[in-house]
Structure formats: C-alpha cells, structure tokens
Amino acid sequence: MRPSQFESLEDYVAAHRSQTRKKQSEAKQGEKSRTAILNENQVMEIRNKYLPGLVGTKQLAREYGVSNTTIASIVTGKTWRHIPMGDYSSIEEYQAAKKDEAAARPTSHANAKLDKEKVRAIRQRFSEGAKKFHLAKEYGVNPKTIDDILLFKIWKEA
C-alpha cells in the first residue's frame, strides 16, 4: 500500500487504519500467542483468587511467576478479554463483586503486636496529648504504625 495509490491523505490514513485493525483482530489471542506465559485455566484461577486488599496483584504475580502489571491487566480485563469474567456480564460488575467479597471477609491480625483494646488506648492517649514517638516505644511498634492507626489507615474496625 503506497500513498500514491490514494486520491487523498485521508483515504490513505483510513485504509492504513483498516489494515492495522484487521491485523490486530487476526493476531493470536491468549495461550496461542507466542509470548503467552499463562494459560486460560491460570487466568480463570487468577480472576477467582483476586480479592482487593486480601489477595492482591503482587501476591498473585509471585505465585504465577509474572509481573504485577500482568496480573493487574488480567483482573481489570485489559488482557485476556476473550476469557469470560465468570458469572459477571462486565468488568465493572466483576470488580464490584470482588470488592464486596473482600469487605465481607473478617480482617485478620494474627501476627499483630496490638489488639483492639490497645489500639483504642493509643487513640485515647494521643487525644490526651501523648506523643506518637512515646506511644510507639511503649507498645513496641514503629512510629509509622502509630501514624497509620491515628489516621485509620489500619485497625479501622477498632
């Protein structure tokens, strides 16, 4: 295809775009692609395991030996679009359901040095004028942890 074959630049650009779209639509998808690392079953597993805030993209990336970006693209529907999103009709519905699943699960603080009572005490003592540094030292945690508690980034339920 040469530009001289067309009457105008617009006709050439339109033909070029059409040809490019055709090539893209004919490209091998999913595990048929020569660059595929995952197979369709793994993609469905990833979508089922993904729970924002609990089982995130980093954890799944380590488990499946791919990048964090690859997992994010799978769960957002940017890649592997030909694989259905399970029982969901759209990516938005899937993402909303995954967020609801994550919110419904109880938060676990199994390895935590603190419990709800200590967190409430930290918040109370800070409101009474205690310094963050002293609270961190007293409870054996990092001052950043105290900041996160006071800003409700962690221990939101306490």
Protein backbone atom coordinates (compact mmCIF):
# COMPACT_ATOMS: atom_id res chain seq x y z
CA MET A 1 0.00 0.00 0.00
CA ARG A 2 1.54 3.24 -1.17
CA PRO A 3 0.23 6.75 -0.52
CA SER A 4 0.33 7.49 -4.27
CA GLN A 5 -2.42 4.90 -4.83
CA PHE A 6 -4.95 7.06 -2.99
CA GLU A 7 -6.65 10.27 -4.00
CA SER A 8 -6.03 11.98 -0.68
CA LEU A 9 -4.06 11.61 2.51
CA GLU A 10 -7.30 10.97 4.41
CA ASP A 11 -8.09 7.97 2.17
CA TYR A 12 -4.59 6.58 2.74
CA VAL A 13 -4.86 7.02 6.54
CA ALA A 14 -8.30 5.37 6.60
CA ALA A 15 -7.03 2.40 4.57
CA HIS A 16 -3.95 2.08 6.77
CA ARG A 17 -6.07 2.09 9.94
CA SER A 18 -8.40 -0.52 8.48
CA GLN A 19 -5.49 -2.75 7.56
CA THR A 20 -3.97 -2.35 11.04
CA ARG A 21 -7.27 -3.24 12.74
CA LYS A 22 -7.56 -6.34 10.56
CA LYS A 23 -4.05 -7.47 11.54
CA GLN A 24 -4.79 -6.89 15.21
CA SER A 25 -8.05 -8.82 15.07
CA GLU A 26 -6.28 -11.74 13.37
CA ALA A 27 -3.50 -11.81 15.97
CA LYS A 28 -3.35 -14.95 18.07
CA GLN A 29 -5.01 -14.50 21.43
CA GLY A 30 -4.32 -15.97 24.83
CA GLU A 31 -2.18 -19.05 25.09
CA LYS A 32 -1.98 -19.29 21.28
CA SER A 33 0.17 -16.18 21.29
CA ARG A 34 3.88 -16.92 21.08
CA THR A 35 4.51 -14.56 24.02
CA ALA A 36 1.96 -16.15 26.37
CA ILE A 37 3.26 -17.22 29.78
CA LEU A 38 -0.10 -18.20 31.28
CA ASN A 39 -2.83 -20.47 30.01
CA GLU A 40 -6.58 -19.93 30.11
CA ASN A 41 -7.08 -22.04 33.24
CA GLN A 42 -4.49 -19.98 35.10
CA VAL A 43 -6.21 -16.75 34.02
CA MET A 44 -9.53 -18.01 35.38
CA GLU A 45 -7.79 -19.07 38.63
CA ILE A 46 -6.23 -15.62 38.96
CA ARG A 47 -9.58 -13.91 38.49
CA ASN A 48 -11.17 -16.19 41.09
CA LYS A 49 -8.38 -15.77 43.64
CA TYR A 50 -8.07 -12.00 43.31
CA LEU A 51 -9.58 -10.14 46.27
CA PRO A 52 -8.61 -6.47 46.61
CA GLY A 53 -6.92 -5.84 49.93
CA LEU A 54 -6.54 -9.54 50.75
CA VAL A 55 -5.15 -11.42 47.78
CA GLY A 56 -3.66 -8.71 45.64
CA THR A 57 -1.79 -8.44 42.38
CA LYS A 58 1.67 -8.69 43.98
CA GLN A 59 0.87 -11.96 45.73
CA LEU A 60 -0.65 -13.46 42.58
CA ALA A 61 2.28 -12.23 40.47
CA ARG A 62 4.72 -14.09 42.74
CA GLU A 63 2.56 -17.20 42.70
CA TYR A 64 2.25 -17.34 38.91
CA GLY A 65 5.72 -16.03 38.04
CA VAL A 66 4.58 -12.99 36.11
CA SER A 67 4.68 -9.25 36.72
CA ASN A 68 2.33 -7.27 38.91
CA THR A 69 1.24 -5.38 35.78
CA THR A 70 0.31 -8.63 34.04
CA ILE A 71 -1.97 -9.63 36.91
CA ALA A 72 -3.49 -6.14 37.07
CA SER A 73 -4.23 -6.28 33.33
CA ILE A 74 -5.90 -9.67 33.72
CA VAL A 75 -8.17 -8.68 36.62
CA THR A 76 -9.14 -5.36 35.00
CA GLY A 77 -9.97 -7.04 31.71
CA LYS A 78 -7.35 -5.23 29.64
CA THR A 79 -5.87 -8.55 28.58
CA TRP A 80 -7.38 -11.99 28.09
CA ARG A 81 -10.68 -10.36 27.13
CA HIS A 82 -11.79 -13.47 25.28
CA ILE A 83 -11.88 -15.34 28.61
CA PRO A 84 -15.25 -14.74 30.29
CA MET A 85 -15.34 -12.97 33.63
CA GLY A 86 -17.19 -15.87 35.23
CA ASP A 87 -20.77 -15.07 36.18
CA TYR A 88 -20.35 -11.35 35.51
CA SER A 89 -21.54 -9.50 32.44
CA SER A 90 -19.00 -6.69 32.68
CA ILE A 91 -15.62 -5.93 34.19
CA GLU A 92 -17.24 -3.30 36.43
CA GLU A 93 -19.65 -5.88 37.85
CA TYR A 94 -16.75 -8.30 38.43
CA GLN A 95 -14.64 -5.66 40.21
CA ALA A 96 -17.55 -4.55 42.40
CA ALA A 97 -18.26 -8.16 43.39
CA LYS A 98 -14.59 -8.74 44.24
CA LYS A 99 -14.54 -5.63 46.45
CA ASP A 100 -17.71 -6.82 48.20
CA GLU A 101 -16.12 -10.24 48.78
CA ALA A 102 -13.02 -8.64 50.28
CA ALA A 103 -15.08 -6.39 52.55
CA ALA A 104 -17.18 -9.32 53.78
CA ARG A 105 -14.17 -11.29 54.98
CA PRO A 106 -13.03 -10.67 58.53
CA THR A 107 -9.73 -8.88 58.85
CA SER A 108 -7.03 -10.93 60.48
CA HIS A 109 -4.28 -9.51 62.63
CA ALA A 110 -2.74 -12.85 63.57
CA ASN A 111 0.84 -11.59 63.84
CA ALA A 112 -0.09 -8.22 65.30
CA LYS A 113 1.57 -6.84 68.40
CA LEU A 114 -1.59 -4.86 69.07
CA ASP A 115 -5.22 -5.72 69.65
CA LYS A 116 -8.39 -3.64 69.53
CA GLU A 117 -8.11 -2.56 73.15
CA LYS A 118 -4.51 -1.38 72.73
CA VAL A 119 -5.42 0.49 69.54
CA ARG A 120 -8.29 2.25 71.30
CA ALA A 121 -5.93 3.11 74.17
CA ILE A 122 -3.38 4.54 71.71
CA ARG A 123 -6.01 6.75 70.11
CA GLN A 124 -7.30 7.85 73.51
CA ARG A 125 -3.84 8.61 74.90
CA PHE A 126 -2.89 10.57 71.77
CA SER A 127 -6.06 12.66 72.09
CA GLU A 128 -5.00 13.39 75.66
CA GLY A 129 -1.63 14.70 74.50
CA ALA A 130 0.73 11.71 74.40
CA LYS A 131 3.47 11.91 71.75
CA LYS A 132 3.49 9.43 68.87
CA PHE A 133 7.13 8.53 69.49
CA HIS A 134 6.46 7.64 73.12
CA LEU A 135 3.38 5.58 72.21
CA ALA A 136 5.40 3.68 69.59
CA LYS A 137 8.13 2.91 72.10
CA GLU A 138 5.68 1.87 74.79
CA TYR A 139 3.74 -0.51 72.54
CA GLY A 140 6.83 -1.81 70.70
CA VAL A 141 5.78 -0.69 67.22
CA ASN A 142 7.12 1.66 64.58
CA PRO A 143 6.07 5.33 64.78
CA LYS A 144 4.65 4.92 61.26
CA THR A 145 2.29 2.28 62.68
CA ILE A 146 1.07 4.81 65.24
CA ASP A 147 0.51 7.33 62.42
CA ASP A 148 -1.47 4.75 60.43
CA ILE A 149 -3.59 3.89 63.47
CA LEU A 150 -4.36 7.54 64.17
CA LEU A 151 -5.25 8.15 60.51
CA PHE A 152 -7.43 4.98 60.45
CA LYS A 153 -5.34 3.50 57.64
CA ILE A 154 -5.05 0.36 59.75
CA TRP A 155 -7.21 -1.03 62.55
CA LYS A 156 -10.25 0.76 61.08
CA GLU A 157 -12.59 -1.56 62.98
CA ALA A 158 -11.11 -0.72 66.41
